[in-house]
Amino acid sequence: MFSCNTSTSGHSTFLLTGFPGLEASHYWVSIPINLICVFSILGNGIILLLICTDPALREPMYIFLSMLAASDLGLCASTFPTMMWLFWLGARELPFDLCAAQMFFIHAFTYVESGVLLAMAFDRFVAIREPLHYATILTHSAMAKVGAAILVRAVLLNLPGPILLRRLLFPQISVLSHCYCLHCDLVGLACSDTQINSLVGLVSILFSLGLDSSLIVLSYALILQTVLGIASPGEQLKALNTCVSHLCVVLIFYLPKLGLSVLHRVEKHSYPALAVLMANLHFLVPPIMNPIVYCIKSKKIRQSLLKHFQHKRVDVF
């Protein structure tokens, strides 16, 4: 970190950090990241296209899946530019305003994705607990309201962050821990008192990721209780099988974040390259894995994809 003797507010420059000790290989590192970026955009774009164009995919589960794909695309658009900026072009400098904007969108889309995963958990709970009232509870109007609430919550929880950062003093040049801007990273680089910023960040996490993960666990506890009450083992397995895709996506979303949190507290300084790798993976993995999981586990998605390509093939011939 540079000296605070020449600190300024809102006019600092931040330096992106790649993989320590592998600076000479950043060009080669950019190749797999580019591929992940392309496949993430293609995968989530295809999911959105299928759900928007296929009437058979207008069920609540697939509408929530389209919201998940949209949030993944937003996360890709928020994180990949600076990764490419660093690894492909070798440029490290990022002005304060651009860094604060990226921070806002990264956290906002992360909270949106967390909220959508909670909505999908509720969808599975209603489908198993109240199958006869499923269509009347999860109407298109109700899902639109849920989607709007998730988006508004993400904006409101993240709006104070960039605003409060402007009152802090930073060195003229500060070195970030990652190749993108995060709230905790920027607060840690400040030269002035950051108690309010840290409190706002903690409240934001508790009312988003903390609340959502707790309610998802509660939803699955209630789902398990309902499934165990079903007499037929075959019906139990069938009910649980409808939750497999969502459970995989939840684990893909939360486990890398948990691993990164543990690594930062235990071995961050011993293995800095591993910490950076985990930090990048926890944003790279969910957008590329979510479409794969649903394409593998959802028969309707596979049928819609096959039908779409068959129509395209007929049009070509």
Protein backbone atom coordinates (compact mmCIF):
# COMPACT_ATOMS: atom_id res chain seq x y z
CA MET A 1 0.00 0.00 0.00
CA PHE A 2 1.21 3.51 -0.86
CA SER A 3 1.66 6.31 1.68
CA CYS A 4 -1.33 8.18 3.09
CA ASN A 5 0.70 11.41 3.23
CA THR A 6 -0.70 12.47 -0.15
CA SER A 7 -4.22 11.13 0.33
CA THR A 8 -7.19 12.46 -1.66
CA SER A 9 -10.94 11.92 -1.80
CA GLY A 10 -12.52 10.70 -5.04
CA HIS A 11 -9.41 11.26 -7.20
CA SER A 12 -7.35 8.18 -6.38
CA THR A 13 -6.06 5.60 -8.82
CA PHE A 14 -6.35 1.90 -8.01
CA LEU A 15 -4.00 -0.78 -9.36
CA LEU A 16 -5.51 -4.16 -10.25
CA THR A 17 -3.70 -7.27 -9.02
CA GLY A 18 -3.33 -10.47 -11.03
CA PHE A 19 -1.60 -13.66 -9.93
CA PRO A 20 1.46 -12.84 -7.76
CA GLY A 21 4.60 -14.31 -9.29
CA LEU A 22 2.89 -15.08 -12.61
CA GLU A 23 2.91 -11.59 -14.11
CA ALA A 24 4.88 -12.79 -17.15
CA SER A 25 2.23 -15.43 -17.87
CA HIS A 26 -0.84 -13.17 -17.63
CA TYR A 27 -1.33 -13.39 -21.39
CA TRP A 28 -1.71 -17.18 -21.15
CA VAL A 29 -3.88 -16.88 -18.05
CA SER A 30 -6.25 -14.72 -20.07
CA ILE A 31 -6.99 -17.56 -22.52
CA PRO A 32 -9.00 -19.80 -20.12
CA ILE A 33 -10.64 -16.70 -18.61
CA ASN A 34 -11.67 -15.60 -22.10
CA LEU A 35 -13.11 -19.04 -22.82
CA ILE A 36 -15.03 -19.05 -19.53
CA CYS A 37 -16.36 -15.59 -20.36
CA VAL A 38 -17.54 -16.65 -23.84
CA PHE A 39 -19.16 -19.89 -22.65
CA SER A 40 -20.83 -18.12 -19.69
CA ILE A 41 -22.40 -15.52 -21.98
CA LEU A 42 -23.42 -18.17 -24.53
CA GLY A 43 -24.84 -20.55 -21.93
CA ASN A 44 -26.89 -17.96 -20.05
CA GLY A 45 -27.93 -16.26 -23.29
CA ILE A 46 -29.24 -19.58 -24.64
CA ILE A 47 -31.15 -20.25 -21.40
CA LEU A 48 -32.78 -16.80 -21.64
CA LEU A 49 -33.60 -17.30 -25.32
CA LEU A 50 -35.20 -20.71 -24.73
CA ILE A 51 -37.35 -19.52 -21.83
CA CYS A 52 -38.46 -16.39 -23.68
CA THR A 53 -39.38 -18.20 -26.90
CA ASP A 54 -40.69 -21.60 -25.73
CA PRO A 55 -44.25 -21.57 -24.25
CA ALA A 56 -43.52 -24.92 -22.52
CA LEU A 57 -40.95 -23.11 -20.32
CA ARG A 58 -43.34 -20.50 -18.88
CA GLU A 59 -43.57 -22.31 -15.55
CA PRO A 60 -42.46 -20.49 -12.37
CA MET A 61 -39.30 -22.60 -12.00
CA TYR A 62 -38.08 -21.63 -15.46
CA ILE A 63 -39.03 -17.98 -15.08
CA PHE A 64 -36.91 -17.85 -11.93
CA LEU A 65 -34.18 -19.62 -13.91
CA SER A 66 -34.34 -16.83 -16.51
CA MET A 67 -33.82 -14.32 -13.67
CA LEU A 68 -30.81 -16.33 -12.53
CA ALA A 69 -29.37 -16.33 -16.07
CA ALA A 70 -29.91 -12.55 -16.34
CA SER A 71 -28.10 -11.97 -13.02
CA ASP A 72 -25.22 -14.19 -14.20
CA LEU A 73 -24.93 -12.14 -17.40
CA GLY A 74 -24.88 -8.97 -15.28
CA LEU A 75 -22.13 -10.45 -13.09
CA CYS A 76 -20.12 -11.37 -16.20
CA ALA A 77 -20.48 -7.83 -17.54
CA SER A 78 -19.34 -6.42 -14.19
CA THR A 79 -16.25 -8.57 -13.58
CA PHE A 80 -14.85 -9.72 -16.93
CA PRO A 81 -13.89 -6.29 -18.37
CA THR A 82 -11.27 -5.55 -15.70
CA MET A 83 -10.02 -9.16 -15.84
CA MET A 84 -9.44 -8.74 -19.57
CA TRP A 85 -8.08 -5.23 -19.01
CA LEU A 86 -5.40 -6.71 -16.74
CA PHE A 87 -4.65 -10.16 -18.18
CA TRP A 88 -5.00 -9.38 -21.89
CA LEU A 89 -3.81 -5.79 -22.14
CA GLY A 90 -1.59 -5.64 -19.06
CA ALA A 91 -3.28 -2.41 -17.87
CA ARG A 92 -3.60 -2.08 -14.11
CA GLU A 93 -4.83 1.47 -13.46
CA LEU A 94 -8.46 2.10 -12.60
CA PRO A 95 -9.83 5.54 -11.60
CA PHE A 96 -11.91 5.90 -8.43
CA ASP A 97 -15.27 6.50 -10.13
CA LEU A 98 -14.92 3.45 -12.38
CA CYS A 99 -13.80 1.32 -9.45
CA ALA A 100 -16.75 2.46 -7.30
CA ALA A 101 -19.19 1.78 -10.17
CA GLN A 102 -17.79 -1.72 -10.70
CA MET A 103 -18.01 -2.39 -6.97
CA PHE A 104 -21.69 -1.38 -6.95
CA PHE A 105 -22.65 -3.60 -9.90
CA ILE A 106 -20.66 -6.63 -8.69
CA HIS A 107 -22.30 -6.57 -5.27
CA ALA A 108 -25.73 -5.71 -6.69
CA PHE A 109 -25.77 -8.62 -9.14
CA THR A 110 -24.40 -10.94 -6.45
CA TYR A 111 -27.29 -9.96 -4.15
CA VAL A 112 -29.75 -10.37 -7.03
CA GLU A 113 -28.46 -13.89 -7.67
CA SER A 114 -28.69 -14.73 -3.98
CA GLY A 115 -32.28 -13.43 -3.89
CA VAL A 116 -33.23 -15.43 -6.97
CA LEU A 117 -31.80 -18.60 -5.40
CA LEU A 118 -34.00 -17.95 -2.36
CA ALA A 119 -37.04 -17.46 -4.63
CA MET A 120 -36.22 -20.73 -6.38
CA ALA A 121 -35.99 -22.49 -2.99
CA PHE A 122 -39.46 -21.14 -2.15
CA ASP A 123 -40.68 -22.35 -5.55
CA ARG A 124 -39.48 -25.89 -4.79
CA PHE A 125 -41.02 -25.71 -1.30
CA VAL A 126 -44.45 -24.72 -2.65
CA ALA A 127 -44.25 -27.33 -5.44
CA ILE A 128 -43.64 -30.12 -2.91
CA ARG A 129 -45.65 -28.83 0.08
CA GLU A 130 -48.68 -27.41 -1.76
CA PRO A 131 -48.74 -28.99 -5.24
CA LEU A 132 -52.48 -28.36 -5.72
CA HIS A 133 -52.11 -24.63 -5.03
CA TYR A 134 -48.80 -24.20 -6.85
CA ALA A 135 -50.26 -22.39 -9.88
CA THR A 136 -52.43 -20.10 -7.77
CA ILE A 137 -49.62 -19.10 -5.37
CA LEU A 138 -46.84 -18.55 -7.92
CA THR A 139 -48.72 -16.53 -10.53
CA HIS A 140 -46.95 -14.39 -13.14
CA SER A 141 -47.94 -11.29 -11.15
CA ALA A 142 -46.48 -12.72 -7.94
CA MET A 143 -43.22 -13.66 -9.68
CA ALA A 144 -42.94 -10.18 -11.21
CA LYS A 145 -43.34 -8.66 -7.74
CA VAL A 146 -40.71 -11.04 -6.32
CA GLY A 147 -38.29 -10.13 -9.12
CA ALA A 148 -38.86 -6.41 -8.57
CA ALA A 149 -38.39 -6.79 -4.80
CA ILE A 150 -35.08 -8.67 -5.33
CA LEU A 151 -33.82 -5.94 -7.67
CA VAL A 152 -34.90 -3.06 -5.41
CA ARG A 153 -33.31 -4.72 -2.36
CA ALA A 154 -30.01 -5.17 -4.22
CA VAL A 155 -29.96 -1.51 -5.28
CA LEU A 156 -30.93 -0.12 -1.86
CA LEU A 157 -28.41 -2.27 0.03
CA ASN A 158 -25.55 -1.29 -2.29
CA LEU A 159 -26.34 2.37 -2.96
CA PRO A 160 -24.81 3.70 0.32
CA GLY A 161 -21.47 1.97 -0.37
CA PRO A 162 -20.16 4.12 -3.26
CA ILE A 163 -21.64 7.28 -1.71
CA LEU A 164 -19.91 6.73 1.63
CA LEU A 165 -16.64 5.83 -0.10
CA ARG A 166 -16.44 9.35 -1.56
CA ARG A 167 -15.97 10.86 1.89
CA LEU A 168 -12.93 8.65 2.60
CA LEU A 169 -9.33 9.62 1.91
CA PHE A 170 -7.21 7.26 -0.19
CA PRO A 171 -3.55 7.38 -1.24
CA GLN A 172 -2.98 8.81 -4.71
CA ILE A 173 -2.23 5.22 -5.81
CA SER A 174 -3.60 2.12 -4.05
CA VAL A 175 -3.02 -1.55 -4.85
CA LEU A 176 -6.15 -3.75 -4.87
CA SER A 177 -6.12 -7.37 -3.75
CA HIS A 178 -7.94 -8.60 -6.87
CA CYS A 179 -8.50 -7.78 -10.52
CA TYR A 180 -11.80 -6.09 -9.69
CA CYS A 181 -13.11 -3.72 -7.02
CA LEU A 182 -14.88 -4.95 -3.88
CA HIS A 183 -16.24 -2.92 -0.98
CA CYS A 184 -14.16 -4.61 1.73
CA ASP A 185 -11.00 -4.17 -0.35
CA LEU A 186 -11.56 -0.43 -0.89
CA VAL A 187 -12.48 0.19 2.74
CA GLY A 188 -9.26 -1.55 3.83
CA LEU A 189 -7.19 0.81 1.65
CA ALA A 190 -8.67 4.02 3.07
CA CYS A 191 -6.56 6.38 5.18
CA SER A 192 -9.49 7.84 7.17
CA ASP A 193 -11.99 6.41 9.67
CA THR A 194 -13.99 3.57 8.07
CA GLN A 195 -16.25 2.46 10.93
CA ILE A 196 -19.45 3.64 9.22
CA ASN A 197 -18.43 2.02 5.92
CA SER A 198 -17.61 -1.28 7.63
CA LEU A 199 -20.94 -1.22 9.50
CA VAL A 200 -22.88 -0.50 6.30
CA GLY A 201 -21.05 -3.33 4.53
CA LEU A 202 -21.79 -5.77 7.36
CA VAL A 203 -25.49 -4.84 7.44
CA SER A 204 -25.64 -5.19 3.65
CA ILE A 205 -24.20 -8.72 3.76
CA LEU A 206 -26.40 -9.80 6.69
CA PHE A 207 -29.61 -8.62 4.99
CA SER A 208 -28.68 -10.26 1.68
CA LEU A 209 -26.38 -13.29 1.63
CA GLY A 210 -26.81 -14.00 5.35
CA LEU A 211 -30.62 -13.78 5.33
CA ASP A 212 -31.00 -15.61 2.01
CA SER A 213 -28.73 -18.53 2.95
CA SER A 214 -30.56 -18.96 6.28
CA LEU A 215 -33.98 -19.00 4.59
CA ILE A 216 -32.73 -21.42 1.91
CA VAL A 217 -31.59 -23.82 4.67
CA LEU A 218 -34.99 -23.40 6.36
CA SER A 219 -36.80 -24.09 3.07
CA TYR A 220 -34.89 -27.31 2.55
CA ALA A 221 -35.50 -28.38 6.14
CA LEU A 222 -39.25 -27.95 5.53
CA ILE A 223 -38.97 -29.72 2.15
CA LEU A 224 -37.19 -32.65 3.81
CA GLN A 225 -39.85 -32.79 6.52
CA THR A 226 -42.57 -32.90 3.85
CA VAL A 227 -40.78 -35.54 1.77
CA LEU A 228 -40.26 -37.80 4.79
CA GLY A 229 -44.00 -37.67 5.35
CA ILE A 230 -44.65 -39.22 1.93
CA ALA A 231 -45.41 -42.93 2.26
CA SER A 232 -43.98 -44.18 -1.04
CA PRO A 233 -40.15 -44.29 -1.32
CA GLY A 234 -40.50 -43.82 -5.08
CA GLU A 235 -42.52 -40.64 -4.60
CA GLN A 236 -39.98 -39.43 -2.02
CA LEU A 237 -37.15 -39.88 -4.52
CA LYS A 238 -39.16 -38.19 -7.28
CA ALA A 239 -39.88 -35.18 -5.04
CA LEU A 240 -36.24 -34.84 -3.99
CA ASN A 241 -35.07 -35.18 -7.60
CA THR A 242 -36.90 -31.96 -8.50
CA CYS A 243 -34.61 -30.12 -6.05
CA VAL A 244 -31.26 -31.50 -7.25
CA SER A 245 -30.60 -28.82 -9.88
CA HIS A 246 -31.37 -25.97 -7.49
CA LEU A 247 -29.33 -27.51 -4.69
CA CYS A 248 -26.32 -27.86 -7.01
CA VAL A 249 -26.61 -24.21 -8.06
CA VAL A 250 -26.88 -23.09 -4.42
CA LEU A 251 -23.70 -25.02 -3.54
CA ILE A 252 -21.89 -23.62 -6.61
CA PHE A 253 -22.84 -20.10 -5.51
CA TYR A 254 -22.11 -20.29 -1.77
CA LEU A 255 -19.24 -22.80 -1.38
CA PRO A 256 -16.59 -20.76 -3.28
CA LYS A 257 -17.51 -17.72 -1.16
CA LEU A 258 -17.16 -19.80 2.00
CA GLY A 259 -13.83 -21.21 0.81
CA LEU A 260 -12.53 -17.75 -0.04
CA SER A 261 -13.60 -16.41 3.36
CA VAL A 262 -11.76 -19.22 5.16
CA LEU A 263 -8.66 -18.78 2.97
CA HIS A 264 -8.52 -15.04 3.65
CA ARG A 265 -8.53 -15.69 7.38
CA VAL A 266 -6.13 -18.64 7.47
CA GLU A 267 -3.62 -18.80 4.61
CA LYS A 268 -4.01 -15.64 2.52
CA HIS A 269 -0.45 -14.42 3.10
CA SER A 270 1.12 -17.90 2.84
CA TYR A 271 -0.45 -18.63 -0.56
CA PRO A 272 -1.32 -15.31 -2.21
CA ALA A 273 -1.70 -16.87 -5.69
CA LEU A 274 -4.20 -19.40 -4.30
CA ALA A 275 -6.17 -16.60 -2.64
CA VAL A 276 -6.33 -14.71 -5.94
CA LEU A 277 -7.35 -17.88 -7.82
CA MET A 278 -10.17 -18.56 -5.35
CA ALA A 279 -11.26 -14.92 -5.54
CA ASN A 280 -11.53 -15.16 -9.33
CA LEU A 281 -13.18 -18.59 -9.33
CA HIS A 282 -15.96 -17.53 -7.01
CA PHE A 283 -17.10 -15.07 -9.71
CA LEU A 284 -16.18 -17.21 -12.74
CA VAL A 285 -17.65 -20.57 -11.74
CA PRO A 286 -21.38 -19.85 -11.10
CA PRO A 287 -22.11 -18.12 -14.46
CA ILE A 288 -20.61 -20.99 -16.48
CA MET A 289 -21.86 -23.86 -14.29
CA ASN A 290 -25.49 -22.79 -13.77
CA PRO A 291 -26.56 -23.32 -17.43
CA ILE A 292 -24.65 -26.64 -17.54
CA VAL A 293 -26.40 -27.92 -14.39
CA TYR A 294 -29.88 -27.06 -15.67
CA CYS A 295 -29.20 -28.41 -19.16
CA ILE A 296 -28.06 -31.72 -17.67
CA LYS A 297 -30.80 -32.07 -15.05
CA SER A 298 -33.83 -30.48 -16.76
CA LYS A 299 -35.51 -32.61 -19.41
CA LYS A 300 -37.64 -29.70 -20.62
CA ILE A 301 -34.58 -27.48 -21.17
CA ARG A 302 -32.90 -30.25 -23.17
CA GLN A 303 -36.04 -30.84 -25.25
CA SER A 304 -36.44 -27.13 -25.91
CA LEU A 305 -32.79 -26.82 -26.90
CA LEU A 306 -33.05 -29.81 -29.25
CA LYS A 307 -36.27 -28.48 -30.78
CA HIS A 308 -34.70 -25.05 -31.29
CA PHE A 309 -31.67 -26.49 -33.09
CA GLN A 310 -33.87 -28.76 -35.20
CA HIS A 311 -35.88 -25.73 -36.35
CA LYS A 312 -32.66 -23.89 -37.17
CA ARG A 313 -31.40 -26.89 -39.13
CA VAL A 314 -34.63 -27.08 -41.13
CA ASP A 315 -34.44 -23.33 -41.87
CA VAL A 316 -30.86 -23.69 -43.11
CA PHE A 317 -31.72 -26.59 -45.44
